Amino acid sequence: MNFDEFLANFAEQFDDTDPSEIAKDTIFHDLEEWSSLTGMSVIAMAKMMYGKTVTGADIRSCITVEDLFHMIESK
């Protein structure tokens, strides 16, 4: 799993947020477009693209996009 690929895939979960606004140190919960639906999309992305099972609690435990990457990578 490569971070740059993950970042691009994560950014694709947002319809109205410019991908350039999302970086490894972005606090993704603070993004205007972040919602429980986006969280579900991230859960689906982790399963479909990386074969990893993550929960809402896993996502809530992360602060930055980099934290999210490492959490999914460790599953």
N, C-alpha and C. Protein backbone atom coordinates (compact mmCIF):
# COMPACT_ATOMS: atom_id res chain seq x y z
N MET A 1 0.85 -1.17 0.00
CA MET A 1 0.00 0.00 0.00
C MET A 1 0.90 1.24 0.00
N ASN A 2 0.66 2.10 -0.94
CA ASN A 2 1.47 3.30 -1.14
C ASN A 2 0.67 4.52 -0.70
N PHE A 3 1.33 5.46 0.04
CA PHE A 3 0.59 6.60 0.58
C PHE A 3 0.00 7.50 -0.50
N ASP A 4 0.78 7.78 -1.55
CA ASP A 4 0.27 8.67 -2.60
C ASP A 4 -0.97 8.10 -3.28
N GLU A 5 -0.97 6.79 -3.51
CA GLU A 5 -2.14 6.12 -4.09
C GLU A 5 -3.32 6.20 -3.12
N PHE A 6 -3.04 5.95 -1.84
CA PHE A 6 -4.08 6.04 -0.83
C PHE A 6 -4.67 7.45 -0.76
N LEU A 7 -3.81 8.46 -0.79
CA LEU A 7 -4.26 9.84 -0.73
C LEU A 7 -5.19 10.16 -1.90
N ALA A 8 -4.81 9.72 -3.10
CA ALA A 8 -5.66 9.95 -4.27
C ALA A 8 -7.00 9.23 -4.13
N ASN A 9 -6.97 8.00 -3.65
CA ASN A 9 -8.21 7.24 -3.46
C ASN A 9 -9.08 7.86 -2.38
N PHE A 10 -8.45 8.34 -1.31
CA PHE A 10 -9.19 9.00 -0.24
C PHE A 10 -9.86 10.27 -0.77
N ALA A 11 -9.12 11.07 -1.53
CA ALA A 11 -9.65 12.33 -2.06
C ALA A 11 -10.82 12.08 -3.00
N GLU A 12 -10.84 10.93 -3.67
CA GLU A 12 -11.94 10.60 -4.58
C GLU A 12 -13.27 10.38 -3.84
N GLN A 13 -13.22 10.20 -2.54
CA GLN A 13 -14.44 9.98 -1.76
C GLN A 13 -15.23 11.27 -1.55
N PHE A 14 -14.62 12.40 -1.92
CA PHE A 14 -15.24 13.71 -1.76
C PHE A 14 -15.66 14.24 -3.13
N ASP A 15 -16.90 14.70 -3.22
CA ASP A 15 -17.41 15.23 -4.49
C ASP A 15 -17.03 16.69 -4.69
N ASP A 16 -17.08 17.49 -3.64
CA ASP A 16 -16.93 18.94 -3.79
C ASP A 16 -15.63 19.50 -3.20
N THR A 17 -14.81 18.67 -2.61
CA THR A 17 -13.56 19.13 -2.02
C THR A 17 -12.44 18.95 -3.03
N ASP A 18 -11.70 20.02 -3.28
CA ASP A 18 -10.58 19.96 -4.21
C ASP A 18 -9.51 19.03 -3.62
N PRO A 19 -9.03 18.06 -4.41
CA PRO A 19 -8.00 17.14 -3.89
C PRO A 19 -6.76 17.85 -3.36
N SER A 20 -6.46 19.04 -3.87
CA SER A 20 -5.28 19.77 -3.39
C SER A 20 -5.44 20.24 -1.94
N GLU A 21 -6.68 20.22 -1.43
CA GLU A 21 -6.93 20.60 -0.04
C GLU A 21 -6.64 19.45 0.93
N ILE A 22 -6.37 18.27 0.39
CA ILE A 22 -6.18 17.09 1.22
C ILE A 22 -4.72 16.65 1.14
N ALA A 23 -4.07 16.64 2.29
CA ALA A 23 -2.66 16.24 2.39
C ALA A 23 -2.51 15.28 3.56
N LYS A 24 -1.30 14.79 3.77
CA LYS A 24 -1.11 13.80 4.84
C LYS A 24 -1.43 14.35 6.21
N ASP A 25 -1.23 15.66 6.43
CA ASP A 25 -1.49 16.23 7.75
C ASP A 25 -2.87 16.88 7.86
N THR A 26 -3.73 16.67 6.87
CA THR A 26 -5.09 17.20 6.91
C THR A 26 -5.90 16.51 8.00
N ILE A 27 -6.56 17.29 8.84
CA ILE A 27 -7.47 16.74 9.84
C ILE A 27 -8.79 16.52 9.11
N PHE A 28 -8.98 15.30 8.65
CA PHE A 28 -10.08 15.03 7.72
C PHE A 28 -11.45 15.24 8.33
N HIS A 29 -11.59 15.10 9.63
CA HIS A 29 -12.89 15.34 10.28
C HIS A 29 -13.30 16.80 10.17
N ASP A 30 -12.31 17.69 9.96
CA ASP A 30 -12.58 19.13 9.86
C ASP A 30 -12.95 19.57 8.44
N LEU A 31 -12.83 18.67 7.47
CA LEU A 31 -13.21 19.02 6.11
C LEU A 31 -14.71 19.28 6.06
N GLU A 32 -15.10 20.34 5.40
CA GLU A 32 -16.51 20.74 5.35
C GLU A 32 -17.39 19.61 4.83
N GLU A 33 -16.88 18.85 3.89
CA GLU A 33 -17.68 17.80 3.26
C GLU A 33 -17.69 16.48 4.05
N TRP A 34 -16.86 16.37 5.09
CA TRP A 34 -16.80 15.12 5.85
C TRP A 34 -18.14 14.85 6.52
N SER A 35 -18.60 13.61 6.41
CA SER A 35 -19.86 13.20 7.03
C SER A 35 -19.80 11.71 7.31
N SER A 36 -20.83 11.20 7.94
CA SER A 36 -20.88 9.75 8.19
C SER A 36 -20.95 8.99 6.87
N LEU A 37 -21.57 9.58 5.87
CA LEU A 37 -21.64 8.95 4.55
C LEU A 37 -20.25 8.85 3.92
N THR A 38 -19.45 9.89 4.09
CA THR A 38 -18.08 9.85 3.58
C THR A 38 -17.29 8.78 4.33
N GLY A 39 -17.52 8.69 5.62
CA GLY A 39 -16.87 7.65 6.42
C GLY A 39 -17.21 6.26 5.91
N MET A 40 -18.47 6.06 5.55
CA MET A 40 -18.89 4.76 4.99
C MET A 40 -18.19 4.51 3.66
N SER A 41 -18.00 5.56 2.88
CA SER A 41 -17.29 5.42 1.60
C SER A 41 -15.83 5.02 1.83
N VAL A 42 -15.23 5.57 2.87
CA VAL A 42 -13.84 5.22 3.20
C VAL A 42 -13.77 3.76 3.65
N ILE A 43 -14.74 3.31 4.43
CA ILE A 43 -14.80 1.91 4.85
C ILE A 43 -14.90 1.00 3.62
N ALA A 44 -15.77 1.36 2.69
CA ALA A 44 -15.93 0.58 1.45
C ALA A 44 -14.66 0.61 0.62
N MET A 45 -14.01 1.77 0.52
CA MET A 45 -12.76 1.90 -0.22
C MET A 45 -11.69 0.98 0.36
N ALA A 46 -11.56 0.98 1.69
CA ALA A 46 -10.55 0.14 2.34
C ALA A 46 -10.79 -1.33 2.03
N LYS A 47 -12.04 -1.75 2.03
CA LYS A 47 -12.38 -3.14 1.76
C LYS A 47 -12.15 -3.49 0.29
N MET A 48 -12.66 -2.66 -0.62
CA MET A 48 -12.59 -2.98 -2.04
C MET A 48 -11.19 -2.82 -2.61
N MET A 49 -10.46 -1.79 -2.24
CA MET A 49 -9.17 -1.51 -2.86
C MET A 49 -8.00 -2.16 -2.14
N TYR A 50 -8.15 -2.37 -0.83
CA TYR A 50 -7.02 -2.87 -0.06
C TYR A 50 -7.31 -4.18 0.67
N GLY A 51 -8.55 -4.65 0.59
CA GLY A 51 -8.91 -5.89 1.27
C GLY A 51 -8.85 -5.78 2.78
N LYS A 52 -9.02 -4.58 3.31
CA LYS A 52 -8.93 -4.34 4.75
C LYS A 52 -10.32 -4.01 5.31
N THR A 53 -10.62 -4.55 6.47
CA THR A 53 -11.89 -4.27 7.13
C THR A 53 -11.65 -3.27 8.24
N VAL A 54 -12.28 -2.10 8.12
CA VAL A 54 -12.17 -1.07 9.15
C VAL A 54 -13.58 -0.71 9.62
N THR A 55 -13.66 -0.17 10.81
CA THR A 55 -14.96 0.20 11.39
C THR A 55 -15.04 1.71 11.55
N GLY A 56 -16.23 2.17 11.84
CA GLY A 56 -16.41 3.58 12.14
C GLY A 56 -15.56 4.00 13.33
N ALA A 57 -15.45 3.14 14.33
CA ALA A 57 -14.62 3.44 15.51
C ALA A 57 -13.15 3.57 15.11
N ASP A 58 -12.70 2.73 14.18
CA ASP A 58 -11.32 2.83 13.69
C ASP A 58 -11.09 4.21 13.07
N ILE A 59 -12.03 4.64 12.24
CA ILE A 59 -11.90 5.93 11.57
C ILE A 59 -11.95 7.07 12.57
N ARG A 60 -12.86 6.98 13.54
CA ARG A 60 -12.97 8.03 14.55
C ARG A 60 -11.70 8.15 15.40
N SER A 61 -10.94 7.06 15.50
CA SER A 61 -9.71 7.08 16.30
C SER A 61 -8.57 7.80 15.58
N CYS A 62 -8.73 8.07 14.30
CA CYS A 62 -7.70 8.74 13.51
C CYS A 62 -7.98 10.24 13.47
N ILE A 63 -6.90 11.00 13.36
CA ILE A 63 -7.04 12.46 13.29
C ILE A 63 -6.68 12.96 11.89
N THR A 64 -5.52 12.57 11.40
CA THR A 64 -5.08 13.05 10.09
C THR A 64 -5.25 11.95 9.04
N VAL A 65 -5.10 12.36 7.79
CA VAL A 65 -5.15 11.39 6.69
C VAL A 65 -4.02 10.38 6.85
N GLU A 66 -2.86 10.84 7.29
CA GLU A 66 -1.74 9.93 7.51
C GLU A 66 -2.06 8.91 8.60
N ASP A 67 -2.72 9.33 9.68
CA ASP A 67 -3.15 8.39 10.73
C ASP A 67 -4.07 7.32 10.13
N LEU A 68 -4.99 7.76 9.30
CA LEU A 68 -5.94 6.86 8.66
C LEU A 68 -5.20 5.85 7.78
N PHE A 69 -4.24 6.32 7.01
CA PHE A 69 -3.43 5.45 6.17
C PHE A 69 -2.74 4.37 7.00
N HIS A 70 -2.07 4.79 8.07
CA HIS A 70 -1.34 3.82 8.90
C HIS A 70 -2.27 2.84 9.59
N MET A 71 -3.45 3.31 10.01
CA MET A 71 -4.41 2.42 10.65
C MET A 71 -4.87 1.35 9.65
N ILE A 72 -5.22 1.76 8.44
CA ILE A 72 -5.68 0.80 7.42
C ILE A 72 -4.54 -0.13 7.04
N GLU A 73 -3.36 0.41 6.88
CA GLU A 73 -2.19 -0.39 6.51
C GLU A 73 -1.91 -1.47 7.56
N SER A 74 -2.16 -1.17 8.83
CA SER A 74 -1.84 -2.11 9.91
C SER A 74 -2.87 -3.23 10.07
N LYS A 75 -4.03 -3.11 9.41
CA LYS A 75 -5.08 -4.12 9.54
C LYS A 75 -4.70 -5.41 8.85
